[in-house]
Amino acid sequence: QVQLVESGGGLVQPGGSLRLACVASGFTSDYYAVAWFRQAPGEAREGVSCISFVDGMTYYADSVKGRFTISKDNAKTTVYLQMDRLTPEDTATYSCATVESGLSTYVRDRCNGLYKGMDYWGKGTLVTVSP
């Protein structure tokens, strides 16, 4: 069973930065990817970014391109989301999620599409952007 634990959320002023971390464990398949999603109160869940452990490719939602950077530490199976130039519209609960499979193309396609039907989810960490 894959387990995901997020950390790094908090209160930050507009224009500030935060770095979220997602520690993943329990993968059993050859290929997997880890994505970040967010959900603001009263809003639908939104895919933010994804990184593939197959080939290292990264994907971003248009709303965060140029401001957020996803990265990974293979040794620790940890995925980071560096969030810069934050705005109040970025306020949400951020959750990491993962998909794994024996097929690399399956993982890549779901990562590329920020597919909401990921296999496993963390509990989330709250990010609040406010003066």
Protein backbone atom coordinates (compact mmCIF):
# COMPACT_ATOMS: atom_id res chain seq x y z
CA GLN A 1 0.00 0.00 0.00
CA VAL A 2 1.40 3.33 -1.06
CA GLN A 3 1.47 6.00 1.61
CA LEU A 4 1.86 9.72 1.01
CA VAL A 5 2.56 12.34 3.65
CA GLU A 6 2.56 16.05 2.85
CA SER A 7 4.19 18.85 4.77
CA GLY A 8 5.13 22.50 4.36
CA GLY A 9 1.81 24.28 4.26
CA GLY A 10 1.13 27.45 6.19
CA LEU A 11 0.28 31.13 6.05
CA VAL A 12 2.21 33.34 3.65
CA GLN A 13 1.78 36.89 2.39
CA PRO A 14 1.01 37.61 -1.26
CA GLY A 15 4.19 37.53 -3.29
CA GLY A 16 5.81 35.12 -0.88
CA SER A 17 7.02 31.54 -1.28
CA LEU A 18 6.43 28.14 0.25
CA ARG A 19 7.87 24.71 -0.41
CA LEU A 20 5.69 21.67 0.02
CA ALA A 21 7.05 18.16 0.42
CA CYS A 22 5.43 14.80 -0.24
CA VAL A 23 7.14 11.71 1.14
CA ALA A 24 6.02 8.59 -0.68
CA SER A 25 6.53 4.97 0.27
CA GLY A 26 5.27 1.52 -0.59
CA PHE A 27 5.50 1.51 -4.36
CA THR A 28 5.34 -1.98 -5.84
CA SER A 29 5.24 -1.25 -9.56
CA ASP A 30 8.14 -0.42 -11.86
CA TYR A 31 6.73 2.93 -12.95
CA TYR A 32 5.06 5.69 -10.99
CA ALA A 33 4.43 9.41 -10.89
CA VAL A 34 3.56 11.85 -8.14
CA ALA A 35 1.27 14.81 -8.63
CA TRP A 36 0.06 17.77 -6.64
CA PHE A 37 -3.58 18.78 -6.59
CA ARG A 38 -5.33 21.56 -4.76
CA GLN A 39 -8.86 22.31 -3.67
CA ALA A 40 -10.15 25.61 -2.40
CA PRO A 41 -13.35 25.78 -0.33
CA GLY A 42 -16.37 25.48 -2.59
CA GLU A 43 -14.22 24.76 -5.62
CA ALA A 44 -13.47 21.66 -7.63
CA ARG A 45 -10.18 19.85 -7.21
CA GLU A 46 -7.54 21.18 -9.60
CA GLY A 47 -4.43 19.45 -10.87
CA VAL A 48 -1.37 21.60 -10.21
CA SER A 49 1.71 19.68 -11.28
CA CYS A 50 3.09 16.20 -11.82
CA ILE A 51 6.49 14.60 -12.08
CA SER A 52 7.19 11.22 -13.57
CA PHE A 53 9.67 8.85 -11.98
CA VAL A 54 9.79 7.09 -15.35
CA ASP A 55 11.63 9.81 -17.22
CA GLY A 56 11.65 12.86 -14.97
CA MET A 57 9.21 14.78 -17.13
CA THR A 58 7.24 17.51 -15.40
CA TYR A 59 3.82 18.95 -16.13
CA TYR A 60 2.08 22.07 -14.88
CA ALA A 61 -1.35 23.63 -14.93
CA ASP A 62 -1.42 26.91 -16.83
CA SER A 63 -2.39 28.74 -13.66
CA VAL A 64 0.95 27.95 -12.00
CA LYS A 65 3.41 27.80 -14.90
CA GLY A 66 6.39 30.03 -14.28
CA ARG A 67 5.63 30.31 -10.55
CA PHE A 68 5.65 26.72 -9.25
CA THR A 69 8.43 24.16 -9.68
CA ILE A 70 8.09 20.46 -9.01
CA SER A 71 11.14 18.34 -8.28
CA LYS A 72 12.01 14.98 -6.81
CA ASP A 73 14.61 13.29 -4.69
CA ASN A 74 14.85 9.73 -5.94
CA ALA A 75 16.78 8.47 -2.95
CA LYS A 76 14.15 9.71 -0.53
CA THR A 77 11.18 9.19 -2.88
CA THR A 78 10.19 12.71 -1.98
CA VAL A 79 8.54 15.21 -4.28
CA TYR A 80 8.74 18.93 -3.66
CA LEU A 81 6.55 21.75 -4.89
CA GLN A 82 8.30 25.10 -4.75
CA MET A 83 5.66 27.81 -4.93
CA ASP A 84 6.79 31.38 -5.66
CA ARG A 85 4.93 34.65 -6.24
CA LEU A 86 1.94 33.31 -4.40
CA THR A 87 -1.41 35.07 -4.69
CA PRO A 88 -4.60 34.77 -2.65
CA GLU A 89 -6.01 32.66 -5.48
CA ASP A 90 -3.47 29.98 -4.58
CA THR A 91 -5.12 29.48 -1.19
CA ALA A 92 -6.23 25.85 -0.97
CA THR A 93 -5.56 22.48 0.57
CA TYR A 94 -2.75 20.89 -1.41
CA SER A 95 -2.63 17.12 -1.69
CA CYS A 96 -0.16 14.84 -3.36
CA ALA A 97 -1.31 11.77 -5.21
CA THR A 98 0.28 8.97 -7.13
CA VAL A 99 -0.30 6.53 -9.93
CA GLU A 100 1.75 3.38 -10.44
CA SER A 101 1.74 0.72 -13.09
CA GLY A 102 3.82 -1.84 -14.90
CA LEU A 103 3.27 0.21 -18.06
CA SER A 104 5.35 3.36 -18.41
CA THR A 105 2.97 4.88 -20.97
CA TYR A 106 0.03 4.49 -18.59
CA VAL A 107 1.88 6.43 -15.91
CA ARG A 108 3.12 9.07 -18.32
CA ASP A 109 -0.32 9.73 -19.78
CA ARG A 110 -1.95 10.16 -16.39
CA CYS A 111 0.81 12.42 -15.19
CA ASN A 112 0.68 14.51 -18.37
CA GLY A 113 -3.07 14.91 -18.05
CA LEU A 114 -2.99 15.64 -14.30
CA TYR A 115 -5.48 12.83 -14.09
CA LYS A 116 -7.75 13.23 -11.06
CA GLY A 117 -8.32 9.49 -10.73
CA MET A 118 -4.95 8.80 -9.14
CA ASP A 119 -4.49 5.59 -7.17
CA TYR A 120 -3.44 6.96 -3.78
CA TRP A 121 -3.85 10.28 -2.02
CA GLY A 122 -2.31 12.05 0.92
CA LYS A 123 -4.38 13.88 3.52
CA GLY A 124 -3.32 17.33 2.33
CA THR A 125 -1.70 20.43 3.73
CA LEU A 126 -3.34 23.84 3.91
CA VAL A 127 -1.79 26.82 2.15
CA THR A 128 -3.20 30.24 2.97
CA VAL A 129 -2.07 33.33 1.10
CA SER A 130 -3.23 36.45 2.87
CA PRO A 131 -1.84 39.87 3.91
